[in-house]
Protein backbone atom coordinates (compact mmCIF):
# COMPACT_ATOMS: atom_id res chain seq x y z
CA MET A 1 100.50 122.30 122.04
CA THR A 2 103.60 123.96 120.80
CA GLN A 3 103.29 126.09 117.64
CA LYS A 4 105.58 125.34 114.65
CA SER A 5 107.59 128.27 113.46
CA GLY A 6 107.89 129.10 109.74
CA SER A 7 106.82 126.51 107.32
CA GLU A 8 107.34 123.52 109.71
CA GLN A 9 103.99 121.72 109.95
CA ARG A 10 105.23 118.35 111.35
CA ARG A 11 103.69 117.07 114.61
CA HIS A 12 106.66 114.74 115.21
CA PRO A 13 110.45 115.22 114.88
CA ARG A 14 111.92 113.33 112.11
CA THR A 15 115.32 111.32 112.23
CA ALA A 16 117.49 110.54 109.28
CA VAL A 17 117.37 106.97 108.03
CA GLY A 18 118.99 105.12 105.14
CA ALA A 19 116.98 101.75 105.07
CA THR A 20 115.46 100.34 102.01
CA PHE A 21 111.89 98.85 101.82
CA ASP A 22 109.17 97.55 99.39
CA ILE A 23 106.24 99.46 98.25
CA SER A 24 103.14 97.72 96.93
CA MET A 25 100.52 99.82 95.09
CA ALA A 26 96.94 98.86 94.76
CA GLY A 27 95.25 98.77 91.40
CA PRO A 28 94.99 96.60 88.19
CA SER A 29 98.80 96.36 87.80
CA ALA A 30 99.61 95.68 91.55
CA ALA A 31 103.07 97.22 90.94
CA LYS A 32 105.86 96.76 93.38
CA CYS A 33 109.13 98.74 93.72
CA ARG A 34 111.98 99.55 96.12
CA ALA A 35 112.62 102.76 97.92
CA THR A 36 115.15 104.39 100.45
CA ILE A 37 113.80 106.20 103.56
CA THR A 38 115.25 109.59 103.88
CA ASP A 39 113.79 110.44 107.17
CA LEU A 40 111.13 109.02 109.57
CA SER A 41 108.96 109.93 112.43
CA ALA A 42 105.98 108.51 114.36
CA GLY A 43 103.55 110.10 111.81
CA GLY A 44 105.27 109.92 108.43
CA MET A 45 108.37 109.74 106.43
CA THR A 46 110.19 110.93 103.37
CA PHE A 47 111.58 108.51 100.89
CA LYS A 48 113.19 108.36 97.33
CA THR A 49 112.49 105.98 94.63
CA ASP A 50 112.37 105.90 90.83
CA ALA A 51 108.63 104.95 90.96
CA GLU A 52 106.27 107.54 89.70
CA LEU A 53 103.65 107.95 92.49
CA GLU A 54 100.84 110.55 92.66
CA LYS A 55 99.80 112.76 95.55
CA GLY A 56 96.86 111.22 97.35
CA MET A 57 97.81 107.53 96.63
CA THR A 58 97.47 104.88 99.24
CA LEU A 59 100.63 102.86 99.66
CA HIS A 60 101.39 99.62 101.56
CA LEU A 61 105.00 99.72 102.88
CA ARG A 62 107.01 96.80 104.31
CA VAL A 63 110.14 97.14 106.33
CA ALA A 64 111.15 93.73 107.91
CA ASP A 65 108.00 92.56 109.66
CA ILE A 66 106.42 95.98 109.90
CA HIS A 67 103.56 96.83 107.57
CA VAL A 68 102.52 100.44 107.17
CA ARG A 69 99.69 101.92 105.16
CA GLY A 70 100.06 105.54 104.32
CA GLU A 71 99.11 108.30 101.87
CA VAL A 72 101.42 110.27 99.57
CA ARG A 73 101.13 113.80 100.74
CA SER A 74 103.85 115.49 98.83
CA VAL A 75 105.94 114.89 95.63
CA LEU A 76 109.28 116.57 95.31
CA GLY A 77 111.31 116.98 92.08
CA ALA A 78 113.57 114.47 90.56
CA ALA A 79 117.23 114.21 91.39
CA GLY A 80 119.46 111.62 89.95
CA GLY A 81 116.52 109.79 88.31
CA GLN A 82 114.61 109.64 91.66
CA ARG A 83 111.78 111.60 93.23
CA ARG A 84 111.32 112.35 96.83
CA TYR A 85 107.81 111.58 98.41
CA GLY A 86 106.27 112.59 101.83
CA VAL A 87 103.85 110.07 103.29
CA ARG A 88 101.61 110.21 106.20
CA PHE A 89 101.00 106.96 108.10
CA HIS A 90 97.51 105.73 108.57
CA LYS A 91 98.06 102.43 110.07
CA VAL A 92 101.41 100.75 111.37
CA GLY A 93 101.34 97.11 112.48
CA LEU A 94 103.29 93.78 112.55
CA ASP A 95 102.87 91.36 109.83
CA SER A 96 101.34 88.56 111.78
CA SER A 97 101.81 86.07 108.90
CA ARG A 98 105.56 86.43 109.22
CA ILE A 99 105.70 85.96 113.04
CA ASN A 100 106.63 82.33 114.24
């Protein structure tokens, strides 16, 4: 296993992305919002949105026919009315209800 230098703790390299997706949050309000992916890897991503999320929240993300369950691991300051969030993926799969 290679060691990471400095503050780099990621296991997978990230790639810059600019795709938008839907976020669904569990709970009584069952809120939905839109977000834009900043960077993406096999294990997680960073995205920005105007939604207020909390560290530790479980999110259900959808990009096309791909469904992802992940956990908010970091919350970064607001810029231009949007916050940046780091998410670790727990489960990634195809949405079988949308496959013909």
